[in-house]
Full PDB file with SEQRES, HELIX, SHEET, SSBOND, CRYST1, ORIGX, SCALE, CONECT and MASTER records, all heavy atoms in Angstrom:
SEQRES   1 A   36  THR ARG THR TRP ILE ALA VAL GLY THR VAL VAL LEU ALA          
SEQRES   2 A   36  GLY VAL ILE VAL ALA TRP ALA GLN GLY ARG LYS PRO GLY          
SEQRES   3 A   36  LEU TRP GLU MET THR THR THR MET THR TRP                      
HELIX    1 AA1 ARG A    2  ALA A   20  1                                  19    
CRYST1    1.000    1.000    1.000  90.00  90.00  90.00 P 1           1          
ORIGX1      1.000000  0.000000  0.000000        0.00000                         
ORIGX2      0.000000  1.000000  0.000000        0.00000                         
ORIGX3      0.000000  0.000000  1.000000        0.00000                         
SCALE1      1.000000  0.000000  0.000000        0.00000                         
SCALE2      0.000000  1.000000  0.000000        0.00000                         
SCALE3      0.000000  0.000000  1.000000        0.00000                         
ATOM      1  N   THR A   1      14.350  -5.470 -12.097  1.00  0.00           N  
ATOM      2  CA  THR A   1      13.748  -6.160 -10.959  1.00  0.00           C  
ATOM      3  C   THR A   1      14.017  -5.409  -9.665  1.00  0.00           C  
ATOM      4  O   THR A   1      13.119  -5.240  -8.844  1.00  0.00           O  
ATOM      5  CB  THR A   1      14.300  -7.594 -10.859  1.00  0.00           C  
ATOM      6  OG1 THR A   1      14.036  -8.267 -12.080  1.00  0.00           O  
ATOM      7  CG2 THR A   1      13.670  -8.337  -9.706  1.00  0.00           C  
ATOM      8  N   ARG A   2      15.231  -4.939  -9.471  1.00  0.00           N  
ATOM      9  CA  ARG A   2      15.549  -4.198  -8.251  1.00  0.00           C  
ATOM     10  C   ARG A   2      14.750  -2.907  -8.179  1.00  0.00           C  
ATOM     11  O   ARG A   2      14.275  -2.520  -7.122  1.00  0.00           O  
ATOM     12  CB  ARG A   2      17.036  -3.891  -8.195  1.00  0.00           C  
ATOM     13  CG  ARG A   2      17.862  -5.095  -7.867  1.00  0.00           C  
ATOM     14  CD  ARG A   2      19.301  -4.711  -7.677  1.00  0.00           C  
ATOM     15  NE  ARG A   2      20.098  -5.899  -7.452  1.00  0.00           N  
ATOM     16  CZ  ARG A   2      21.397  -5.900  -7.415  1.00  0.00           C  
ATOM     17  NH1 ARG A   2      22.068  -4.780  -7.592  1.00  0.00           N  
ATOM     18  NH2 ARG A   2      22.059  -7.017  -7.212  1.00  0.00           N  
ATOM     19  N   THR A   3      14.612  -2.240  -9.293  1.00  0.00           N  
ATOM     20  CA  THR A   3      13.822  -1.017  -9.320  1.00  0.00           C  
ATOM     21  C   THR A   3      12.390  -1.320  -8.913  1.00  0.00           C  
ATOM     22  O   THR A   3      11.804  -0.618  -8.100  1.00  0.00           O  
ATOM     23  CB  THR A   3      13.842  -0.394 -10.730  1.00  0.00           C  
ATOM     24  OG1 THR A   3      15.186  -0.097 -11.058  1.00  0.00           O  
ATOM     25  CG2 THR A   3      12.995   0.865 -10.773  1.00  0.00           C  
ATOM     26  N   TRP A   4      11.822  -2.373  -9.470  1.00  0.00           N  
ATOM     27  CA  TRP A   4      10.425  -2.711  -9.167  1.00  0.00           C  
ATOM     28  C   TRP A   4      10.243  -3.099  -7.714  1.00  0.00           C  
ATOM     29  O   TRP A   4       9.244  -2.751  -7.101  1.00  0.00           O  
ATOM     30  CB  TRP A   4       9.943  -3.838 -10.080  1.00  0.00           C  
ATOM     31  CG  TRP A   4       9.842  -3.355 -11.475  1.00  0.00           C  
ATOM     32  CD1 TRP A   4      10.535  -3.821 -12.550  1.00  0.00           C  
ATOM     33  CD2 TRP A   4       9.057  -2.280 -11.967  1.00  0.00           C  
ATOM     34  NE1 TRP A   4      10.224  -3.097 -13.658  1.00  0.00           N  
ATOM     35  CE2 TRP A   4       9.310  -2.146 -13.328  1.00  0.00           C  
ATOM     36  CE3 TRP A   4       8.165  -1.400 -11.372  1.00  0.00           C  
ATOM     37  CZ2 TRP A   4       8.701  -1.189 -14.115  1.00  0.00           C  
ATOM     38  CZ3 TRP A   4       7.556  -0.448 -12.156  1.00  0.00           C  
ATOM     39  CH2 TRP A   4       7.834  -0.355 -13.501  1.00  0.00           C  
ATOM     40  N   ILE A   5      11.198  -3.813  -7.160  1.00  0.00           N  
ATOM     41  CA  ILE A   5      11.097  -4.189  -5.752  1.00  0.00           C  
ATOM     42  C   ILE A   5      11.127  -2.940  -4.881  1.00  0.00           C  
ATOM     43  O   ILE A   5      10.317  -2.780  -3.976  1.00  0.00           O  
ATOM     44  CB  ILE A   5      12.226  -5.167  -5.368  1.00  0.00           C  
ATOM     45  CG1 ILE A   5      11.975  -6.526  -6.028  1.00  0.00           C  
ATOM     46  CG2 ILE A   5      12.305  -5.324  -3.845  1.00  0.00           C  
ATOM     47  CD1 ILE A   5      13.140  -7.499  -5.905  1.00  0.00           C  
ATOM     48  N   ALA A   6      12.051  -2.050  -5.178  1.00  0.00           N  
ATOM     49  CA  ALA A   6      12.161  -0.831  -4.378  1.00  0.00           C  
ATOM     50  C   ALA A   6      10.914   0.030  -4.515  1.00  0.00           C  
ATOM     51  O   ALA A   6      10.326   0.461  -3.522  1.00  0.00           O  
ATOM     52  CB  ALA A   6      13.397  -0.041  -4.801  1.00  0.00           C  
ATOM     53  N   VAL A   7      10.491   0.289  -5.729  1.00  0.00           N  
ATOM     54  CA  VAL A   7       9.315   1.121  -5.958  1.00  0.00           C  
ATOM     55  C   VAL A   7       8.074   0.458  -5.366  1.00  0.00           C  
ATOM     56  O   VAL A   7       7.285   1.093  -4.665  1.00  0.00           O  
ATOM     57  CB  VAL A   7       9.125   1.404  -7.463  1.00  0.00           C  
ATOM     58  CG1 VAL A   7       7.809   2.103  -7.716  1.00  0.00           C  
ATOM     59  CG2 VAL A   7      10.270   2.250  -7.987  1.00  0.00           C  
ATOM     60  N   GLY A   8       7.913  -0.816  -5.637  1.00  0.00           N  
ATOM     61  CA  GLY A   8       6.726  -1.524  -5.149  1.00  0.00           C  
ATOM     62  C   GLY A   8       6.632  -1.548  -3.639  1.00  0.00           C  
ATOM     63  O   GLY A   8       5.559  -1.373  -3.063  1.00  0.00           O  
ATOM     64  N   THR A   9       7.752  -1.738  -2.982  1.00  0.00           N  
ATOM     65  CA  THR A   9       7.760  -1.769  -1.529  1.00  0.00           C  
ATOM     66  C   THR A   9       7.367  -0.421  -0.961  1.00  0.00           C  
ATOM     67  O   THR A   9       6.561  -0.336  -0.042  1.00  0.00           O  
ATOM     68  CB  THR A   9       9.144  -2.197  -1.017  1.00  0.00           C  
ATOM     69  OG1 THR A   9       9.448  -3.479  -1.557  1.00  0.00           O  
ATOM     70  CG2 THR A   9       9.176  -2.265   0.496  1.00  0.00           C  
ATOM     71  N   VAL A  10       7.927   0.645  -1.495  1.00  0.00           N  
ATOM     72  CA  VAL A  10       7.598   1.969  -1.004  1.00  0.00           C  
ATOM     73  C   VAL A  10       6.146   2.316  -1.304  1.00  0.00           C  
ATOM     74  O   VAL A  10       5.438   2.871  -0.462  1.00  0.00           O  
ATOM     75  CB  VAL A  10       8.565   3.031  -1.580  1.00  0.00           C  
ATOM     76  CG1 VAL A  10       8.091   4.423  -1.236  1.00  0.00           C  
ATOM     77  CG2 VAL A  10       9.957   2.796  -1.031  1.00  0.00           C  
ATOM     78  N   VAL A  11       5.663   1.987  -2.484  1.00  0.00           N  
ATOM     79  CA  VAL A  11       4.268   2.251  -2.828  1.00  0.00           C  
ATOM     80  C   VAL A  11       3.355   1.517  -1.866  1.00  0.00           C  
ATOM     81  O   VAL A  11       2.427   2.093  -1.299  1.00  0.00           O  
ATOM     82  CB  VAL A  11       3.959   1.831  -4.288  1.00  0.00           C  
ATOM     83  CG1 VAL A  11       2.470   1.855  -4.556  1.00  0.00           C  
ATOM     84  CG2 VAL A  11       4.683   2.745  -5.247  1.00  0.00           C  
ATOM     85  N   LEU A  12       3.611   0.249  -1.674  1.00  0.00           N  
ATOM     86  CA  LEU A  12       2.779  -0.542  -0.778  1.00  0.00           C  
ATOM     87  C   LEU A  12       2.837   0.011   0.637  1.00  0.00           C  
ATOM     88  O   LEU A  12       1.816   0.130   1.309  1.00  0.00           O  
ATOM     89  CB  LEU A  12       3.206  -2.007  -0.804  1.00  0.00           C  
ATOM     90  CG  LEU A  12       2.370  -2.950   0.051  1.00  0.00           C  
ATOM     91  CD1 LEU A  12       0.915  -2.934  -0.409  1.00  0.00           C  
ATOM     92  CD2 LEU A  12       2.925  -4.354  -0.025  1.00  0.00           C  
ATOM     93  N   ALA A  13       4.013   0.380   1.092  1.00  0.00           N  
ATOM     94  CA  ALA A  13       4.154   0.931   2.431  1.00  0.00           C  
ATOM     95  C   ALA A  13       3.295   2.169   2.613  1.00  0.00           C  
ATOM     96  O   ALA A  13       2.553   2.296   3.578  1.00  0.00           O  
ATOM     97  CB  ALA A  13       5.617   1.275   2.716  1.00  0.00           C  
ATOM     98  N   GLY A  14       3.423   3.081   1.682  1.00  0.00           N  
ATOM     99  CA  GLY A  14       2.654   4.309   1.777  1.00  0.00           C  
ATOM    100  C   GLY A  14       1.165   4.089   1.708  1.00  0.00           C  
ATOM    101  O   GLY A  14       0.397   4.656   2.478  1.00  0.00           O  
ATOM    102  N   VAL A  15       0.725   3.267   0.812  1.00  0.00           N  
ATOM    103  CA  VAL A  15      -0.699   3.032   0.651  1.00  0.00           C  
ATOM    104  C   VAL A  15      -1.286   2.335   1.866  1.00  0.00           C  
ATOM    105  O   VAL A  15      -2.354   2.696   2.353  1.00  0.00           O  
ATOM    106  CB  VAL A  15      -0.973   2.223  -0.636  1.00  0.00           C  
ATOM    107  CG1 VAL A  15      -2.419   1.778  -0.707  1.00  0.00           C  
ATOM    108  CG2 VAL A  15      -0.629   3.067  -1.851  1.00  0.00           C  
ATOM    109  N   ILE A  16      -0.607   1.353   2.388  1.00  0.00           N  
ATOM    110  CA  ILE A  16      -1.119   0.658   3.565  1.00  0.00           C  
ATOM    111  C   ILE A  16      -1.211   1.607   4.741  1.00  0.00           C  
ATOM    112  O   ILE A  16      -2.194   1.628   5.470  1.00  0.00           O  
ATOM    113  CB  ILE A  16      -0.249  -0.569   3.895  1.00  0.00           C  
ATOM    114  CG1 ILE A  16      -0.477  -1.641   2.834  1.00  0.00           C  
ATOM    115  CG2 ILE A  16      -0.594  -1.121   5.265  1.00  0.00           C  
ATOM    116  CD1 ILE A  16       0.424  -2.830   2.969  1.00  0.00           C  
ATOM    117  N   VAL A  17      -0.206   2.411   4.952  1.00  0.00           N  
ATOM    118  CA  VAL A  17      -0.259   3.374   6.042  1.00  0.00           C  
ATOM    119  C   VAL A  17      -1.428   4.326   5.855  1.00  0.00           C  
ATOM    120  O   VAL A  17      -2.102   4.694   6.798  1.00  0.00           O  
ATOM    121  CB  VAL A  17       1.068   4.152   6.145  1.00  0.00           C  
ATOM    122  CG1 VAL A  17       0.924   5.362   7.039  1.00  0.00           C  
ATOM    123  CG2 VAL A  17       2.156   3.247   6.665  1.00  0.00           C  
ATOM    124  N   ALA A  18      -1.700   4.704   4.637  1.00  0.00           N  
ATOM    125  CA  ALA A  18      -2.746   5.681   4.375  1.00  0.00           C  
ATOM    126  C   ALA A  18      -4.124   5.215   4.791  1.00  0.00           C  
ATOM    127  O   ALA A  18      -4.972   6.015   5.158  1.00  0.00           O  
ATOM    128  CB  ALA A  18      -2.753   6.045   2.893  1.00  0.00           C  
ATOM    129  N   TRP A  19      -4.398   3.916   4.750  1.00  0.00           N  
ATOM    130  CA  TRP A  19      -5.769   3.504   5.013  1.00  0.00           C  
ATOM    131  C   TRP A  19      -5.994   2.789   6.321  1.00  0.00           C  
ATOM    132  O   TRP A  19      -7.123   2.564   6.729  1.00  0.00           O  
ATOM    133  CB  TRP A  19      -6.284   2.647   3.871  1.00  0.00           C  
ATOM    134  CG  TRP A  19      -5.613   1.334   3.719  1.00  0.00           C  
ATOM    135  CD1 TRP A  19      -4.591   1.054   2.886  1.00  0.00           C  
ATOM    136  CD2 TRP A  19      -5.888   0.121   4.422  1.00  0.00           C  
ATOM    137  NE1 TRP A  19      -4.210  -0.245   3.030  1.00  0.00           N  
ATOM    138  CE2 TRP A  19      -4.997  -0.837   3.962  1.00  0.00           C  
ATOM    139  CE3 TRP A  19      -6.813  -0.233   5.400  1.00  0.00           C  
ATOM    140  CZ2 TRP A  19      -4.985  -2.126   4.431  1.00  0.00           C  
ATOM    141  CZ3 TRP A  19      -6.804  -1.523   5.866  1.00  0.00           C  
ATOM    142  CH2 TRP A  19      -5.898  -2.449   5.375  1.00  0.00           C  
ATOM    143  N   ALA A  20      -4.979   2.405   7.062  1.00  0.00           N  
ATOM    144  CA  ALA A  20      -5.176   1.462   8.152  1.00  0.00           C  
ATOM    145  C   ALA A  20      -5.604   2.054   9.482  1.00  0.00           C  
ATOM    146  O   ALA A  20      -6.224   1.380  10.271  1.00  0.00           O  
ATOM    147  CB  ALA A  20      -3.905   0.659   8.352  1.00  0.00           C  
ATOM    148  N   GLN A  21      -5.261   3.276   9.790  1.00  0.00           N  
ATOM    149  CA  GLN A  21      -5.525   3.844  11.094  1.00  0.00           C  
ATOM    150  C   GLN A  21      -7.006   3.818  11.451  1.00  0.00           C  
ATOM    151  O   GLN A  21      -7.853   4.180  10.676  1.00  0.00           O  
ATOM    152  CB  GLN A  21      -5.001   5.283  11.127  1.00  0.00           C  
ATOM    153  CG  GLN A  21      -5.476   6.120  12.252  1.00  0.00           C  
ATOM    154  CD  GLN A  21      -5.119   5.578  13.607  1.00  0.00           C  
ATOM    155  OE1 GLN A  21      -4.173   4.840  13.760  1.00  0.00           O  
ATOM    156  NE2 GLN A  21      -5.896   5.917  14.578  1.00  0.00           N  
ATOM    157  N   GLY A  22      -7.314   3.406  12.690  1.00  0.00           N  
ATOM    158  CA  GLY A  22      -8.664   3.483  13.208  1.00  0.00           C  
ATOM    159  C   GLY A  22      -9.618   2.435  12.682  1.00  0.00           C  
ATOM    160  O   GLY A  22     -10.808   2.537  12.898  1.00  0.00           O  
ATOM    161  N   ARG A  23      -9.141   1.435  12.037  1.00  0.00           N  
ATOM    162  CA  ARG A  23     -10.003   0.422  11.448  1.00  0.00           C  
ATOM    163  C   ARG A  23     -10.149  -0.779  12.364  1.00  0.00           C  
ATOM    164  O   ARG A  23      -9.402  -0.962  13.311  1.00  0.00           O  
ATOM    165  CB  ARG A  23      -9.457  -0.068  10.116  1.00  0.00           C  
ATOM    166  CG  ARG A  23      -9.188   0.885   9.008  1.00  0.00           C  
ATOM    167  CD  ARG A  23      -9.983   2.159   8.963  1.00  0.00           C  
ATOM    168  NE  ARG A  23      -9.426   2.952   7.889  1.00  0.00           N  
ATOM    169  CZ  ARG A  23      -8.604   3.954   8.067  1.00  0.00           C  
ATOM    170  NH1 ARG A  23      -8.288   4.354   9.238  1.00  0.00           N  
ATOM    171  NH2 ARG A  23      -8.119   4.606   7.043  1.00  0.00           N  
ATOM    172  N   LYS A  24     -11.090  -1.626  11.992  1.00  0.00           N  
ATOM    173  CA  LYS A  24     -11.283  -2.887  12.691  1.00  0.00           C  
ATOM    174  C   LYS A  24     -10.155  -3.833  12.305  1.00  0.00           C  
ATOM    175  O   LYS A  24      -9.742  -3.873  11.155  1.00  0.00           O  
ATOM    176  CB  LYS A  24     -12.601  -3.522  12.263  1.00  0.00           C  
ATOM    177  CG  LYS A  24     -13.828  -2.792  12.727  1.00  0.00           C  
ATOM    178  CD  LYS A  24     -15.054  -3.543  12.242  1.00  0.00           C  
ATOM    179  CE  LYS A  24     -16.326  -2.932  12.739  1.00  0.00           C  
ATOM    180  NZ  LYS A  24     -17.501  -3.696  12.295  1.00  0.00           N  
ATOM    181  N   PRO A  25      -9.677  -4.631  13.264  1.00  0.00           N  
ATOM    182  CA  PRO A  25      -8.688  -5.640  12.881  1.00  0.00           C  
ATOM    183  C   PRO A  25      -9.358  -6.744  12.070  1.00  0.00           C  
ATOM    184  O   PRO A  25     -10.533  -7.055  12.276  1.00  0.00           O  
ATOM    185  CB  PRO A  25      -8.176  -6.167  14.225  1.00  0.00           C  
ATOM    186  CG  PRO A  25      -9.246  -5.838  15.199  1.00  0.00           C  
ATOM    187  CD  PRO A  25      -9.952  -4.616  14.686  1.00  0.00           C  
ATOM    188  N   GLY A  26      -8.616  -7.305  11.123  1.00  0.00           N  
ATOM    189  CA  GLY A  26      -9.140  -8.381  10.295  1.00  0.00           C  
ATOM    190  C   GLY A  26      -8.771  -8.173   8.839  1.00  0.00           C  
ATOM    191  O   GLY A  26      -7.801  -7.494   8.512  1.00  0.00           O  
ATOM    192  N   LEU A  27      -9.582  -8.762   7.958  1.00  0.00           N  
ATOM    193  CA  LEU A  27      -9.315  -8.734   6.526  1.00  0.00           C  
ATOM    194  C   LEU A  27      -9.930  -7.487   5.891  1.00  0.00           C  
ATOM    195  O   LEU A  27     -11.117  -7.207   6.056  1.00  0.00           O  
ATOM    196  CB  LEU A  27      -9.895  -9.990   5.869  1.00  0.00           C  
ATOM    197  CG  LEU A  27      -9.580 -10.174   4.385  1.00  0.00           C  
ATOM    198  CD1 LEU A  27      -8.079 -10.350   4.171  1.00  0.00           C  
ATOM    199  CD2 LEU A  27     -10.351 -11.376   3.843  1.00  0.00           C  
ATOM    200  N   TRP A  28      -9.094  -6.772   5.146  1.00  0.00           N  
ATOM    201  CA  TRP A  28      -9.509  -5.576   4.421  1.00  0.00           C  
ATOM    202  C   TRP A  28      -9.222  -5.773   2.943  1.00  0.00           C  
ATOM    203  O   TRP A  28      -8.204  -6.341   2.569  1.00  0.00           O  
ATOM    204  CB  TRP A  28      -8.721  -4.361   4.920  1.00  0.00           C  
ATOM    205  CG  TRP A  28      -9.206  -3.862   6.235  1.00  0.00           C  
ATOM    206  CD1 TRP A  28      -8.909  -4.373   7.465  1.00  0.00           C  
ATOM    207  CD2 TRP A  28     -10.096  -2.781   6.449  1.00  0.00           C  
ATOM    208  NE1 TRP A  28      -9.553  -3.661   8.427  1.00  0.00           N  
ATOM    209  CE2 TRP A  28     -10.284  -2.673   7.835  1.00  0.00           C  
ATOM    210  CE3 TRP A  28     -10.741  -1.886   5.599  1.00  0.00           C  
ATOM    211  CZ2 TRP A  28     -11.111  -1.698   8.392  1.00  0.00           C  
ATOM    212  CZ3 TRP A  28     -11.555  -0.916   6.160  1.00  0.00           C  
ATOM    213  CH2 TRP A  28     -11.740  -0.832   7.537  1.00  0.00           C  
ATOM    214  N   GLU A  29     -10.120  -5.271   2.095  1.00  0.00           N  
ATOM    215  CA  GLU A  29      -9.894  -5.262   0.655  1.00  0.00           C  
ATOM    216  C   GLU A  29      -9.623  -3.824   0.243  1.00  0.00           C  
ATOM    217  O   GLU A  29     -10.423  -2.936   0.500  1.00  0.00           O  
ATOM    218  CB  GLU A  29     -11.100  -5.811  -0.095  1.00  0.00           C  
ATOM    219  CG  GLU A  29     -10.855  -5.924  -1.587  1.00  0.00           C  
ATOM    220  CD  GLU A  29     -11.996  -6.642  -2.256  1.00  0.00           C  
ATOM    221  OE1 GLU A  29     -12.967  -5.952  -2.636  1.00  0.00           O  
ATOM    222  OE2 GLU A  29     -11.925  -7.872  -2.380  1.00  0.00           O  
ATOM    223  N   MET A  30      -8.475  -3.616  -0.400  1.00  0.00           N  
ATOM    224  CA  MET A  30      -8.035  -2.278  -0.749  1.00  0.00           C  
ATOM    225  C   MET A  30      -7.865  -2.159  -2.260  1.00  0.00           C  
ATOM    226  O   MET A  30      -7.229  -3.005  -2.887  1.00  0.00           O  
ATOM    227  CB  MET A  30      -6.704  -1.995  -0.053  1.00  0.00           C  
ATOM    228  CG  MET A  30      -6.164  -0.614  -0.303  1.00  0.00           C  
ATOM    229  SD  MET A  30      -4.730  -0.231   0.731  1.00  0.00           S  
ATOM    230  CE  MET A  30      -3.644  -1.571   0.357  1.00  0.00           C  
ATOM    231  N   THR A  31      -8.438  -1.113  -2.828  1.00  0.00           N  
ATOM    232  CA  THR A  31      -8.278  -0.825  -4.250  1.00  0.00           C  
ATOM    233  C   THR A  31      -7.459   0.456  -4.378  1.00  0.00           C  
ATOM    234  O   THR A  31      -7.834   1.491  -3.833  1.00  0.00           O  
ATOM    235  CB  THR A  31      -9.642  -0.684  -4.944  1.00  0.00           C  
ATOM    236  OG1 THR A  31     -10.370  -1.895  -4.758  1.00  0.00           O  
ATOM    237  CG2 THR A  31      -9.475  -0.395  -6.428  1.00  0.00           C  
ATOM    238  N   THR A  32      -6.351   0.359  -5.101  1.00  0.00           N  
ATOM    239  CA  THR A  32      -5.393   1.459  -5.203  1.00  0.00           C  
ATOM    240  C   THR A  32      -5.098   1.775  -6.665  1.00  0.00           C  
ATOM    241  O   THR A  32      -4.955   0.870  -7.477  1.00  0.00           O  
ATOM    242  CB  THR A  32      -4.077   1.078  -4.503  1.00  0.00           C  
ATOM    243  OG1 THR A  32      -4.357   0.717  -3.157  1.00  0.00           O  
ATOM    244  CG2 THR A  32      -3.082   2.218  -4.529  1.00  0.00           C  
ATOM    245  N   THR A  33      -4.982   3.053  -6.950  1.00  0.00           N  
ATOM    246  CA  THR A  33      -4.562   3.515  -8.271  1.00  0.00           C  
ATOM    247  C   THR A  33      -3.341   4.411  -8.091  1.00  0.00           C  
ATOM    248  O   THR A  33      -3.365   5.348  -7.297  1.00  0.00           O  
ATOM    249  CB  THR A  33      -5.683   4.284  -8.985  1.00  0.00           C  
ATOM    250  OG1 THR A  33      -6.821   3.438  -9.089  1.00  0.00           O  
ATOM    251  CG2 THR A  33      -5.245   4.739 -10.366  1.00  0.00           C  
ATOM    252  N   MET A  34      -2.278   4.081  -8.818  1.00  0.00           N  
ATOM    253  CA  MET A  34      -1.039   4.852  -8.744  1.00  0.00           C  
ATOM    254  C   MET A  34      -0.890   5.686 -10.011  1.00  0.00           C  
ATOM    255  O   MET A  34      -1.136   5.200 -11.106  1.00  0.00           O  
ATOM    256  CB  MET A  34       0.145   3.904  -8.604  1.00  0.00           C  
ATOM    257  CG  MET A  34       1.455   4.617  -8.498  1.00  0.00           C  
ATOM    258  SD  MET A  34       2.766   3.403  -8.304  1.00  0.00           S  
ATOM    259  CE  MET A  34       4.151   4.484  -8.187  1.00  0.00           C  
ATOM    260  N   THR A  35      -0.470   6.932  -9.822  1.00  0.00           N  
ATOM    261  CA  THR A  35      -0.242   7.839 -10.935  1.00  0.00           C  
ATOM    262  C   THR A  35       1.179   8.377 -10.840  1.00  0.00           C  
ATOM    263  O   THR A  35       1.594   8.845  -9.784  1.00  0.00           O  
ATOM    264  CB  THR A  35      -1.237   9.022 -10.891  1.00  0.00           C  
ATOM    265  OG1 THR A  35      -2.558   8.518 -10.827  1.00  0.00           O  
ATOM    266  CG2 THR A  35      -1.072   9.923 -12.097  1.00  0.00           C  
ATOM    267  N   TRP A  36       1.919   8.289 -11.956  1.00  0.00           N  
ATOM    268  CA  TRP A  36       3.285   8.817 -11.998  1.00  0.00           C  
ATOM    269  C   TRP A  36       3.257  10.262 -12.457  1.00  0.00           C  
ATOM    270  O   TRP A  36       2.755  10.561 -13.528  1.00  0.00           O  
ATOM    271  CB  TRP A  36       4.142   8.018 -12.974  1.00  0.00           C  
ATOM    272  CG  TRP A  36       4.481   6.647 -12.500  1.00  0.00           C  
ATOM    273  CD1 TRP A  36       3.868   5.489 -12.867  1.00  0.00           C  
ATOM    274  CD2 TRP A  36       5.495   6.287 -11.583  1.00  0.00           C  
ATOM    275  NE1 TRP A  36       4.445   4.430 -12.240  1.00  0.00           N  
ATOM    276  CE2 TRP A  36       5.455   4.900 -11.426  1.00  0.00           C  
ATOM    277  CE3 TRP A  36       6.441   7.010 -10.856  1.00  0.00           C  
ATOM    278  CZ2 TRP A  36       6.323   4.205 -10.586  1.00  0.00           C  
ATOM    279  CZ3 TRP A  36       7.308   6.324 -10.026  1.00  0.00           C  
ATOM    280  CH2 TRP A  36       7.248   4.939  -9.901  1.00  0.00           C  
TER     281      TRP A  36                                                      
MASTER        0    0    0    1    0    0    0    6  280    1    0    3          
END                                                                             
């Protein structure tokens, strides 16, 4: 569980940062694929 929380938080952090700049404020739908 601790591993998943740590990995999931970092994955989510990185992915959100990757797409958010310069966008309209509001609701966004994001589709992400992770590869190890």
